[in-house]
Amino acid sequence: ADDMPPPPPTMTTSPAIIPDAPNLDAAAYVLMSVDSGQIIAQKNMDVRREPASLTKLMTLYLVSRALQSGMIHLDDQVTVSVKAWKADGSRMFLKPNQKVTVQELIQGVIVDSGNDATMALAEYVGGSEDSFVSLMNSQAQSLGMTSSHFADPSGLPAADHYSTAHDLAMLS
């Protein structure tokens, strides 16, 4: 036993090979570890930009929270307002006074990027678009999204509607 070599030292961490950040044809991006929040790669991640339909991530986040709390249910019937029907941009093609389930509206937001479905959900959860937008901004602050401000639930351009790749990664 005296002529046995000592055991090799054990490594407590595995060596990691981290490649250079990719050169993507994007104005801004961030790749963040979901477990630790560590930034793996980024380009202009804290530059304010128009989030466009990525705004719907926050809308769906609030709808998801309302579902989890029992405030609303997937089979709830939502009556489509004239304001939702008139929503600009991409649409689910809802009609005024049409009754649609929350589940169908969520599908309309995700599949069609429907601004009409987004508005109908915002009005249903928040009571009005303005009230829902206030909820969006409060939630953004509580999540630490300090470089974001929402002006509408669907992402239509507005001077005071902005976010960053970093903030959207935190939300995601």
C-alpha atoms as a PDB file:
ATOM      1  CA  ALA A   1       0.000   0.000   0.000  1.00  0.00           C
ATOM      2  CA  ASP A   2       2.998   2.316   0.530  1.00  0.00           C
ATOM      3  CA  ASP A   3       3.980   2.117  -3.119  1.00  0.00           C
ATOM      4  CA  MET A   4       0.512   3.270  -4.362  1.00  0.00           C
ATOM      5  CA  PRO A   5       0.483   6.766  -5.850  1.00  0.00           C
ATOM      6  CA  PRO A   6      -1.905   9.256  -4.275  1.00  0.00           C
ATOM      7  CA  PRO A   7      -5.264   9.602  -6.023  1.00  0.00           C
ATOM      8  CA  PRO A   8      -5.505  12.385  -8.597  1.00  0.00           C
ATOM      9  CA  PRO A   9      -6.921  15.672  -7.314  1.00  0.00           C
ATOM     10  CA  THR A  10     -10.651  16.019  -7.917  1.00  0.00           C
ATOM     11  CA  MET A  11     -11.957  19.012  -9.762  1.00  0.00           C
ATOM     12  CA  THR A  12     -14.809  20.828  -8.101  1.00  0.00           C
ATOM     13  CA  THR A  13     -15.868  22.577 -11.295  1.00  0.00           C
ATOM     14  CA  SER A  14     -15.735  21.476 -14.880  1.00  0.00           C
ATOM     15  CA  PRO A  15     -13.701  23.607 -17.233  1.00  0.00           C
ATOM     16  CA  ALA A  16     -15.924  25.478 -19.634  1.00  0.00           C
ATOM     17  CA  ILE A  17     -15.053  26.520 -23.119  1.00  0.00           C
ATOM     18  CA  ILE A  18     -16.991  29.645 -23.950  1.00  0.00           C
ATOM     19  CA  PRO A  19     -16.941  30.650 -27.597  1.00  0.00           C
ATOM     20  CA  ASP A  20     -16.827  34.249 -28.744  1.00  0.00           C
ATOM     21  CA  ALA A  21     -20.176  35.996 -29.030  1.00  0.00           C
ATOM     22  CA  PRO A  22     -21.773  35.408 -32.432  1.00  0.00           C
ATOM     23  CA  ASN A  23     -21.793  38.174 -35.000  1.00  0.00           C
ATOM     24  CA  LEU A  24     -25.527  38.387 -35.651  1.00  0.00           C
ATOM     25  CA  ASP A  25     -27.199  40.752 -38.058  1.00  0.00           C
ATOM     26  CA  ALA A  26     -29.315  42.256 -35.272  1.00  0.00           C
ATOM     27  CA  ALA A  27     -29.371  45.714 -33.759  1.00  0.00           C
ATOM     28  CA  ALA A  28     -29.521  44.262 -30.251  1.00  0.00           C
ATOM     29  CA  TYR A  29     -29.657  40.861 -28.573  1.00  0.00           C
ATOM     30  CA  VAL A  30     -28.842  39.094 -25.337  1.00  0.00           C
ATOM     31  CA  LEU A  31     -28.306  35.464 -24.427  1.00  0.00           C
ATOM     32  CA  MET A  32     -28.852  34.995 -20.709  1.00  0.00           C
ATOM     33  CA  SER A  33     -28.667  31.901 -18.519  1.00  0.00           C
ATOM     34  CA  VAL A  34     -32.163  31.120 -17.261  1.00  0.00           C
ATOM     35  CA  ASP A  35     -30.696  29.561 -14.109  1.00  0.00           C
ATOM     36  CA  SER A  36     -28.243  32.239 -13.002  1.00  0.00           C
ATOM     37  CA  GLY A  37     -29.145  35.345 -14.992  1.00  0.00           C
ATOM     38  CA  GLN A  38     -25.537  35.456 -16.230  1.00  0.00           C
ATOM     39  CA  ILE A  39     -25.108  37.213 -19.561  1.00  0.00           C
ATOM     40  CA  ILE A  40     -23.495  34.781 -21.998  1.00  0.00           C
ATOM     41  CA  ALA A  41     -23.463  36.989 -25.092  1.00  0.00           C
ATOM     42  CA  GLN A  42     -24.923  40.360 -25.979  1.00  0.00           C
ATOM     43  CA  LYS A  43     -24.911  43.272 -28.348  1.00  0.00           C
ATOM     44  CA  ASN A  44     -26.445  46.616 -27.359  1.00  0.00           C
ATOM     45  CA  MET A  45     -28.534  44.854 -24.725  1.00  0.00           C
ATOM     46  CA  ASP A  46     -29.283  48.046 -22.774  1.00  0.00           C
ATOM     47  CA  VAL A  47     -30.107  50.298 -25.726  1.00  0.00           C
ATOM     48  CA  ARG A  48     -33.765  51.363 -25.776  1.00  0.00           C
ATOM     49  CA  ARG A  49     -35.677  50.119 -28.790  1.00  0.00           C
ATOM     50  CA  GLU A  50     -39.271  49.774 -29.907  1.00  0.00           C
ATOM     51  CA  PRO A  51     -40.293  46.304 -28.707  1.00  0.00           C
ATOM     52  CA  ALA A  52     -43.055  45.934 -31.322  1.00  0.00           C
ATOM     53  CA  SER A  53     -44.930  42.645 -30.869  1.00  0.00           C
ATOM     54  CA  LEU A  54     -42.482  41.505 -28.179  1.00  0.00           C
ATOM     55  CA  THR A  55     -44.697  43.752 -26.030  1.00  0.00           C
ATOM     56  CA  LYS A  56     -47.180  40.891 -26.136  1.00  0.00           C
ATOM     57  CA  LEU A  57     -44.819  38.929 -23.866  1.00  0.00           C
ATOM     58  CA  MET A  58     -45.785  41.280 -21.026  1.00  0.00           C
ATOM     59  CA  THR A  59     -49.465  41.150 -21.988  1.00  0.00           C
ATOM     60  CA  LEU A  60     -49.409  37.351 -21.923  1.00  0.00           C
ATOM     61  CA  TYR A  61     -47.409  37.377 -18.669  1.00  0.00           C
ATOM     62  CA  LEU A  62     -50.178  39.393 -16.987  1.00  0.00           C
ATOM     63  CA  VAL A  63     -52.893  37.206 -18.528  1.00  0.00           C
ATOM     64  CA  SER A  64     -51.024  34.132 -17.243  1.00  0.00           C
ATOM     65  CA  ARG A  65     -50.871  35.612 -13.731  1.00  0.00           C
ATOM     66  CA  ALA A  66     -54.601  36.367 -13.859  1.00  0.00           C
ATOM     67  CA  LEU A  67     -55.240  32.747 -14.865  1.00  0.00           C
ATOM     68  CA  GLN A  68     -52.981  31.390 -12.107  1.00  0.00           C
ATOM     69  CA  SER A  69     -54.698  33.522  -9.467  1.00  0.00           C
ATOM     70  CA  GLY A  70     -58.153  32.362 -10.587  1.00  0.00           C
ATOM     71  CA  MET A  71     -59.177  35.910 -11.524  1.00  0.00           C
ATOM     72  CA  ILE A  72     -59.990  34.680 -15.037  1.00  0.00           C
ATOM     73  CA  HIS A  73     -60.414  31.246 -16.616  1.00  0.00           C
ATOM     74  CA  LEU A  74     -59.610  29.796 -20.046  1.00  0.00           C
ATOM     75  CA  ASP A  75     -63.298  29.161 -20.776  1.00  0.00           C
ATOM     76  CA  ASP A  76     -64.465  32.682 -19.794  1.00  0.00           C
ATOM     77  CA  GLN A  77     -66.419  34.339 -22.591  1.00  0.00           C
ATOM     78  CA  VAL A  78     -65.025  37.759 -23.521  1.00  0.00           C
ATOM     79  CA  THR A  79     -67.180  40.209 -25.458  1.00  0.00           C
ATOM     80  CA  VAL A  80     -65.096  41.957 -28.123  1.00  0.00           C
ATOM     81  CA  SER A  81     -65.292  45.754 -27.858  1.00  0.00           C
ATOM     82  CA  VAL A  82     -65.407  48.137 -30.801  1.00  0.00           C
ATOM     83  CA  LYS A  83     -61.966  49.388 -29.699  1.00  0.00           C
ATOM     84  CA  ALA A  84     -60.537  45.852 -29.907  1.00  0.00           C
ATOM     85  CA  TRP A  85     -62.220  45.313 -33.278  1.00  0.00           C
ATOM     86  CA  LYS A  86     -60.643  48.535 -34.616  1.00  0.00           C
ATOM     87  CA  ALA A  87     -57.114  47.608 -33.434  1.00  0.00           C
ATOM     88  CA  ASP A  88     -54.462  48.469 -36.019  1.00  0.00           C
ATOM     89  CA  GLY A  89     -51.876  46.032 -37.345  1.00  0.00           C
ATOM     90  CA  SER A  90     -51.999  42.257 -37.335  1.00  0.00           C
ATOM     91  CA  ARG A  91     -55.373  40.801 -36.445  1.00  0.00           C
ATOM     92  CA  MET A  92     -57.330  37.723 -35.483  1.00  0.00           C
ATOM     93  CA  PHE A  93     -60.309  39.297 -37.344  1.00  0.00           C
ATOM     94  CA  LEU A  94     -62.673  39.488 -34.407  1.00  0.00           C
ATOM     95  CA  LYS A  95     -66.026  41.233 -34.764  1.00  0.00           C
ATOM     96  CA  PRO A  96     -67.606  43.734 -32.362  1.00  0.00           C
ATOM     97  CA  ASN A  97     -69.758  42.085 -29.664  1.00  0.00           C
ATOM     98  CA  GLN A  98     -68.462  38.642 -30.680  1.00  0.00           C
ATOM     99  CA  LYS A  99     -68.000  36.340 -27.693  1.00  0.00           C
ATOM    100  CA  VAL A 100     -64.627  34.583 -27.654  1.00  0.00           C
ATOM    101  CA  THR A 101     -63.033  32.478 -24.910  1.00  0.00           C
ATOM    102  CA  VAL A 102     -59.894  33.587 -23.132  1.00  0.00           C
ATOM    103  CA  GLN A 103     -58.199  30.482 -24.549  1.00  0.00           C
ATOM    104  CA  GLU A 104     -59.119  31.459 -28.124  1.00  0.00           C
ATOM    105  CA  LEU A 105     -57.859  34.997 -27.527  1.00  0.00           C
ATOM    106  CA  ILE A 106     -54.552  33.714 -26.165  1.00  0.00           C
ATOM    107  CA  GLN A 107     -54.206  31.571 -29.283  1.00  0.00           C
ATOM    108  CA  GLY A 108     -55.011  34.648 -31.394  1.00  0.00           C
ATOM    109  CA  VAL A 109     -52.222  36.582 -29.682  1.00  0.00           C
ATOM    110  CA  ILE A 110     -49.664  33.793 -30.015  1.00  0.00           C
ATOM    111  CA  VAL A 111     -50.483  32.436 -33.476  1.00  0.00           C
ATOM    112  CA  ASP A 112     -51.804  35.532 -35.275  1.00  0.00           C
ATOM    113  CA  SER A 113     -50.015  38.201 -33.205  1.00  0.00           C
ATOM    114  CA  GLY A 114     -53.545  39.602 -33.179  1.00  0.00           C
ATOM    115  CA  ASN A 115     -53.719  43.140 -31.879  1.00  0.00           C
ATOM    116  CA  ASP A 116     -57.503  42.793 -31.670  1.00  0.00           C
ATOM    117  CA  ALA A 117     -57.146  39.698 -29.452  1.00  0.00           C
ATOM    118  CA  THR A 118     -54.487  41.482 -27.399  1.00  0.00           C
ATOM    119  CA  MET A 119     -56.773  44.469 -26.819  1.00  0.00           C
ATOM    120  CA  ALA A 120     -59.719  42.231 -25.892  1.00  0.00           C
ATOM    121  CA  LEU A 121     -57.584  40.417 -23.293  1.00  0.00           C
ATOM    122  CA  ALA A 122     -56.173  43.687 -21.939  1.00  0.00           C
ATOM    123  CA  GLU A 123     -59.655  45.137 -21.502  1.00  0.00           C
ATOM    124  CA  TYR A 124     -60.906  41.927 -19.900  1.00  0.00           C
ATOM    125  CA  VAL A 125     -58.049  41.615 -17.401  1.00  0.00           C
ATOM    126  CA  GLY A 126     -57.499  45.318 -16.715  1.00  0.00           C
ATOM    127  CA  GLY A 127     -60.997  46.704 -17.181  1.00  0.00           C
ATOM    128  CA  SER A 128     -59.665  49.169 -19.768  1.00  0.00           C
ATOM    129  CA  GLU A 129     -56.610  49.571 -21.954  1.00  0.00           C
ATOM    130  CA  ASP A 130     -55.238  52.396 -19.768  1.00  0.00           C
ATOM    131  CA  SER A 131     -55.645  50.377 -16.586  1.00  0.00           C
ATOM    132  CA  PHE A 132     -53.965  47.357 -18.192  1.00  0.00           C
ATOM    133  CA  VAL A 133     -51.043  49.477 -19.423  1.00  0.00           C
ATOM    134  CA  SER A 134     -50.595  50.723 -15.834  1.00  0.00           C
ATOM    135  CA  LEU A 135     -50.454  47.084 -14.732  1.00  0.00           C
ATOM    136  CA  MET A 136     -47.856  46.391 -17.426  1.00  0.00           C
ATOM    137  CA  ASN A 137     -45.627  49.216 -16.213  1.00  0.00           C
ATOM    138  CA  SER A 138     -46.019  48.267 -12.550  1.00  0.00           C
ATOM    139  CA  GLN A 139     -45.152  44.659 -13.335  1.00  0.00           C
ATOM    140  CA  ALA A 140     -42.138  45.739 -15.404  1.00  0.00           C
ATOM    141  CA  GLN A 141     -40.798  47.735 -12.448  1.00  0.00           C
ATOM    142  CA  SER A 142     -41.347  44.869 -10.005  1.00  0.00           C
ATOM    143  CA  LEU A 143     -39.440  42.530 -12.352  1.00  0.00           C
ATOM    144  CA  GLY A 144     -36.511  44.971 -12.488  1.00  0.00           C
ATOM    145  CA  MET A 145     -37.194  46.066 -16.063  1.00  0.00           C
ATOM    146  CA  THR A 146     -35.889  49.568 -15.372  1.00  0.00           C
ATOM    147  CA  SER A 147     -35.375  50.513 -19.035  1.00  0.00           C
ATOM    148  CA  SER A 148     -38.883  49.705 -20.223  1.00  0.00           C
ATOM    149  CA  HIS A 149     -42.098  51.675 -20.509  1.00  0.00           C
ATOM    150  CA  PHE A 150     -45.265  50.429 -22.158  1.00  0.00           C
ATOM    151  CA  ALA A 151     -47.852  52.638 -23.877  1.00  0.00           C
ATOM    152  CA  ASP A 152     -50.156  49.899 -25.198  1.00  0.00           C
ATOM    153  CA  PRO A 153     -50.631  46.132 -24.811  1.00  0.00           C
ATOM    154  CA  SER A 154     -49.773  45.151 -28.395  1.00  0.00           C
ATOM    155  CA  GLY A 155     -46.589  47.048 -29.264  1.00  0.00           C
ATOM    156  CA  LEU A 156     -47.792  49.671 -31.696  1.00  0.00           C
ATOM    157  CA  PRO A 157     -45.216  52.466 -32.060  1.00  0.00           C
ATOM    158  CA  ALA A 158     -45.412  55.356 -29.582  1.00  0.00           C
ATOM    159  CA  ALA A 159     -42.821  57.813 -28.300  1.00  0.00           C
ATOM    160  CA  ASP A 160     -43.108  56.499 -24.740  1.00  0.00           C
ATOM    161  CA  HIS A 161     -43.163  52.804 -25.674  1.00  0.00           C
ATOM    162  CA  TYR A 162     -39.719  51.222 -25.360  1.00  0.00           C
ATOM    163  CA  SER A 163     -37.713  48.391 -23.881  1.00  0.00           C
ATOM    164  CA  THR A 164     -34.282  46.796 -24.153  1.00  0.00           C
ATOM    165  CA  ALA A 165     -33.111  43.333 -25.110  1.00  0.00           C
ATOM    166  CA  HIS A 166     -31.921  42.915 -21.512  1.00  0.00           C
ATOM    167  CA  ASP A 167     -35.300  43.851 -20.005  1.00  0.00           C
ATOM    168  CA  LEU A 168     -37.143  41.540 -22.395  1.00  0.00           C
ATOM    169  CA  ALA A 169     -34.759  38.711 -21.508  1.00  0.00           C
ATOM    170  CA  MET A 170     -35.551  39.252 -17.809  1.00  0.00           C
ATOM    171  CA  LEU A 171     -39.278  39.109 -18.597  1.00  0.00           C
ATOM    172  CA  SER A 172     -38.833  35.987 -20.719  1.00  0.00           C
END
